[in-house]
Amino acid sequence: MVARAPKKLPVARRRAAPAARGALINQTRKRIASFAPFTAPDARVLVLGTMPGVASLAAARYYAHPRNQFWTVMGELCGAGAELPYAQRCRILLERGVALWDVFGSCVRTGSADSAIELLDAQLNDLGGFLEAHSALERILCNGRLAHSSFHRHWAAHVKVKFPQIRVLAVPSTSPAHAGMTLAQKLSLWRAAWPTPPPTDSRLARR
């Protein structure tokens, strides 16, 4: 009878394993927060994303992932290309009246994909307050499908009534996860949505 007692030990180990896995999952489900808006009072264009990715949060910079095509597109449209130092790129955007921000102020997300954002408890940024403070704003470009759908769900009616001068347009996501379009295709759609003519010496047009 005494010899049977050790048979209970494997049962205890099996019961402990799910708790350990749950603890690991909880460690990866941390709430993350977006950046403050990058802007100036005379901004005319707001590029609205969803939430900075892991690389951007780690670097504390907008669109920091090396394969994100945002800065390549900005290089073509307003001369703020990825080859320039980040501070110089930001200065050029401000001079051109371009602001950057995101739909969500905080959310729970595993990894960087928009599809991993837990929308039910995601907290919105105060876009209404942003628009009130930027009377020169004339266009909002939603960078990606989720940014565009979230804007329409939460703010479209308000903007239509209070800010009828603002055009809201969807542009293809510059994220490396959106590989269904070539850079040239994305740039064509961004250029069509851009409120000012692109540089006449476009490097991409010569490729």
Protein backbone atom coordinates (compact mmCIF):
# COMPACT_ATOMS: atom_id res chain seq x y z
CA MET A 1 0.00 0.00 0.00
CA VAL A 2 2.76 2.43 0.82
CA ALA A 3 4.50 1.78 -2.51
CA ARG A 4 1.54 3.28 -4.41
CA ALA A 5 1.97 6.79 -2.99
CA PRO A 6 4.52 8.05 -5.57
CA LYS A 7 1.98 7.48 -8.37
CA LYS A 8 0.29 10.76 -7.35
CA LEU A 9 3.31 12.88 -8.27
CA PRO A 10 2.82 12.92 -12.07
CA VAL A 11 -0.76 14.12 -11.54
CA ALA A 12 0.45 17.15 -9.61
CA ARG A 13 2.93 18.04 -12.35
CA ARG A 14 0.27 17.86 -15.07
CA ARG A 15 -2.02 20.19 -13.14
CA ALA A 16 0.72 22.77 -12.69
CA ALA A 17 1.52 23.01 -16.40
CA PRO A 18 -1.63 24.95 -17.52
CA ALA A 19 -1.06 27.57 -14.85
CA ALA A 20 2.49 28.08 -16.09
CA ARG A 21 1.28 28.47 -19.66
CA GLY A 22 -1.38 30.93 -18.52
CA ALA A 23 1.21 33.01 -16.73
CA LEU A 24 3.27 33.15 -19.92
CA ILE A 25 0.26 34.26 -21.95
CA ASN A 26 -0.55 36.99 -19.44
CA GLN A 27 2.99 38.29 -19.70
CA THR A 28 2.56 38.81 -23.47
CA ARG A 29 -0.83 40.54 -23.16
CA LYS A 30 0.40 43.86 -21.86
CA ARG A 31 -1.39 47.10 -22.62
CA ILE A 32 0.66 49.38 -24.84
CA ALA A 33 0.30 53.12 -25.40
CA SER A 34 0.77 55.17 -28.55
CA PHE A 35 2.83 58.33 -28.95
CA ALA A 36 1.76 61.91 -28.50
CA PRO A 37 0.70 63.49 -31.79
CA PHE A 38 3.53 64.74 -33.97
CA THR A 39 2.20 68.04 -35.20
CA ALA A 40 2.34 71.81 -35.46
CA PRO A 41 -0.57 74.26 -35.09
CA ASP A 42 -0.63 74.95 -38.84
CA ALA A 43 -0.78 71.29 -39.93
CA ARG A 44 -2.83 70.73 -43.08
CA VAL A 45 -2.56 66.94 -43.42
CA LEU A 46 -2.95 64.29 -40.73
CA VAL A 47 -1.65 60.80 -41.46
CA LEU A 48 -3.63 58.59 -39.11
CA GLY A 49 -2.33 55.12 -38.26
CA THR A 50 -3.63 52.57 -35.76
CA MET A 51 -0.95 51.91 -33.13
CA PRO A 52 2.86 51.99 -33.37
CA GLY A 53 4.40 48.57 -33.94
CA VAL A 54 6.88 46.84 -31.69
CA ALA A 55 9.90 48.32 -33.48
CA SER A 56 8.46 51.84 -33.32
CA LEU A 57 7.63 51.56 -29.63
CA ALA A 58 11.13 50.28 -28.89
CA ALA A 59 12.73 53.14 -30.84
CA ALA A 60 10.19 55.77 -29.68
CA ARG A 61 9.85 56.84 -33.32
CA TYR A 62 7.00 56.82 -35.78
CA TYR A 63 7.26 54.10 -38.45
CA ALA A 64 10.61 52.77 -37.24
CA HIS A 65 10.42 49.26 -38.71
CA PRO A 66 13.08 49.12 -41.44
CA ARG A 67 10.66 47.44 -43.88
CA ASN A 68 7.79 49.87 -43.27
CA GLN A 69 7.48 51.91 -46.46
CA PHE A 70 6.11 55.06 -44.85
CA TRP A 71 9.33 57.06 -44.99
CA THR A 72 10.00 55.91 -48.55
CA VAL A 73 6.58 57.26 -49.53
CA MET A 74 7.24 60.49 -47.65
CA GLY A 75 10.54 60.80 -49.50
CA GLU A 76 8.69 60.70 -52.80
CA LEU A 77 5.87 63.04 -51.75
CA CYS A 78 7.67 65.66 -49.70
CA GLY A 79 11.37 64.88 -49.55
CA ALA A 80 11.41 63.29 -46.06
CA GLY A 81 12.99 60.02 -47.14
CA ALA A 82 14.31 57.17 -45.01
CA GLU A 83 17.92 57.99 -45.92
CA LEU A 84 17.74 61.19 -43.84
CA PRO A 85 18.20 61.33 -40.06
CA TYR A 86 14.92 60.96 -38.20
CA ALA A 87 15.05 64.50 -36.80
CA GLN A 88 15.50 65.92 -40.29
CA ARG A 89 12.61 63.89 -41.66
CA CYS A 90 10.39 65.19 -38.87
CA ARG A 91 11.44 68.77 -39.53
CA ILE A 92 10.55 68.43 -43.21
CA LEU A 93 7.11 67.05 -42.35
CA LEU A 94 6.43 69.98 -40.06
CA GLU A 95 7.54 72.43 -42.76
CA ARG A 96 5.17 70.74 -45.21
CA GLY A 97 2.25 70.85 -42.77
CA VAL A 98 2.12 67.10 -42.16
CA ALA A 99 1.07 65.67 -38.78
CA LEU A 100 1.23 62.06 -37.55
CA TRP A 101 -0.95 60.31 -35.00
CA ASP A 102 -2.82 57.07 -34.35
CA VAL A 103 -6.41 55.99 -33.83
CA PHE A 104 -5.78 54.23 -30.53
CA GLY A 105 -4.26 55.76 -27.43
CA SER A 106 -3.74 52.36 -25.84
CA CYS A 107 -4.66 48.76 -26.49
CA VAL A 108 -3.75 45.16 -25.81
CA ARG A 109 -1.89 43.64 -28.73
CA THR A 110 0.47 40.70 -29.16
CA GLY A 111 3.07 41.54 -31.79
CA SER A 112 2.61 44.35 -34.31
CA ALA A 113 -0.25 43.27 -36.58
CA ASP A 114 -3.45 45.32 -36.62
CA SER A 115 -5.38 42.05 -36.60
CA ALA A 116 -3.92 41.31 -33.15
CA ILE A 117 -5.38 44.46 -31.55
CA GLU A 118 -8.10 43.60 -29.02
CA LEU A 119 -10.64 46.14 -30.19
CA LEU A 120 -13.21 45.67 -27.43
CA ASP A 121 -11.02 47.34 -24.80
CA ALA A 122 -8.88 49.56 -27.05
CA GLN A 123 -8.94 53.20 -25.95
CA LEU A 124 -9.26 55.93 -28.58
CA ASN A 125 -7.12 59.00 -28.88
CA ASP A 126 -8.87 62.38 -28.60
CA LEU A 127 -9.13 63.06 -32.31
CA GLY A 128 -11.97 65.52 -31.74
CA GLY A 129 -9.74 67.65 -29.54
CA PHE A 130 -6.96 67.41 -32.12
CA LEU A 131 -9.23 68.72 -34.87
CA GLU A 132 -10.45 71.57 -32.68
CA ALA A 133 -6.83 72.64 -32.14
CA HIS A 134 -5.87 72.47 -35.84
CA SER A 135 -8.12 74.81 -37.78
CA ALA A 136 -5.93 74.65 -40.91
CA LEU A 137 -6.36 70.89 -41.29
CA GLU A 138 -7.83 70.00 -44.67
CA ARG A 139 -7.16 66.30 -45.11
CA ILE A 140 -6.90 63.08 -43.09
CA LEU A 141 -5.15 60.13 -44.69
CA CYS A 142 -5.93 56.84 -42.95
CA ASN A 143 -2.89 54.59 -43.24
CA GLY A 144 -4.43 51.16 -43.67
CA ARG A 145 -7.82 49.49 -43.53
CA LEU A 146 -8.27 49.39 -39.75
CA ALA A 147 -7.36 53.05 -39.34
CA HIS A 148 -9.97 53.95 -41.97
CA SER A 149 -12.74 51.71 -40.63
CA SER A 150 -12.11 52.86 -37.05
CA PHE A 151 -12.24 56.49 -38.09
CA HIS A 152 -15.59 55.99 -39.78
CA ARG A 153 -16.98 54.04 -36.85
CA HIS A 154 -16.08 56.59 -34.22
CA TRP A 155 -15.64 60.01 -35.84
CA ALA A 156 -17.00 60.24 -39.39
CA ALA A 157 -20.40 61.70 -38.46
CA HIS A 158 -18.84 64.22 -36.07
CA VAL A 159 -16.27 65.37 -38.61
CA LYS A 160 -18.86 65.68 -41.37
CA VAL A 161 -20.92 68.08 -39.25
CA LYS A 162 -18.24 70.08 -37.42
CA PHE A 163 -15.39 70.01 -39.94
CA PRO A 164 -16.95 69.78 -43.41
CA GLN A 165 -13.80 71.20 -45.00
CA ILE A 166 -11.77 68.11 -44.07
CA ARG A 167 -11.51 65.31 -46.61
CA VAL A 168 -10.94 61.82 -45.22
CA LEU A 169 -9.25 59.33 -47.52
CA ALA A 170 -8.00 55.77 -47.18
CA VAL A 171 -4.50 54.98 -48.40
CA PRO A 172 -2.78 51.57 -48.55
CA SER A 173 -1.00 50.48 -45.40
CA THR A 174 2.74 51.06 -45.53
CA SER A 175 3.26 48.19 -43.09
CA PRO A 176 5.44 45.29 -44.23
CA ALA A 177 2.47 43.06 -43.43
CA HIS A 178 0.61 44.54 -46.41
CA ALA A 179 2.52 42.77 -49.15
CA GLY A 180 -0.36 42.53 -51.62
CA MET A 181 0.72 45.72 -53.39
CA THR A 182 4.04 46.82 -54.78
CA LEU A 183 5.66 49.99 -53.56
CA ALA A 184 4.87 51.65 -56.89
CA GLN A 185 1.17 50.75 -56.54
CA LYS A 186 1.01 52.08 -53.00
CA LEU A 187 2.79 55.27 -53.96
CA SER A 188 0.38 55.87 -56.83
CA LEU A 189 -2.58 55.79 -54.44
CA TRP A 190 -0.81 57.90 -51.82
CA ARG A 191 0.09 60.44 -54.49
CA ALA A 192 -3.54 60.64 -55.64
CA ALA A 193 -4.65 61.33 -52.06
CA TRP A 194 -1.91 63.85 -51.31
CA PRO A 195 -3.14 67.48 -51.25
CA THR A 196 -0.10 69.02 -52.94
CA PRO A 197 1.78 68.02 -56.10
CA PRO A 198 4.56 65.51 -55.52
CA PRO A 199 8.19 66.45 -56.28
CA THR A 200 8.84 66.64 -60.03
CA ASP A 201 12.13 64.75 -59.66
CA SER A 202 10.53 61.59 -58.25
CA ARG A 203 13.18 58.89 -57.95
CA LEU A 204 10.60 56.11 -58.16
CA ALA A 205 9.30 57.35 -61.51
CA ARG A 206 12.76 56.82 -63.00
CA ARG A 207 13.05 53.18 -61.82
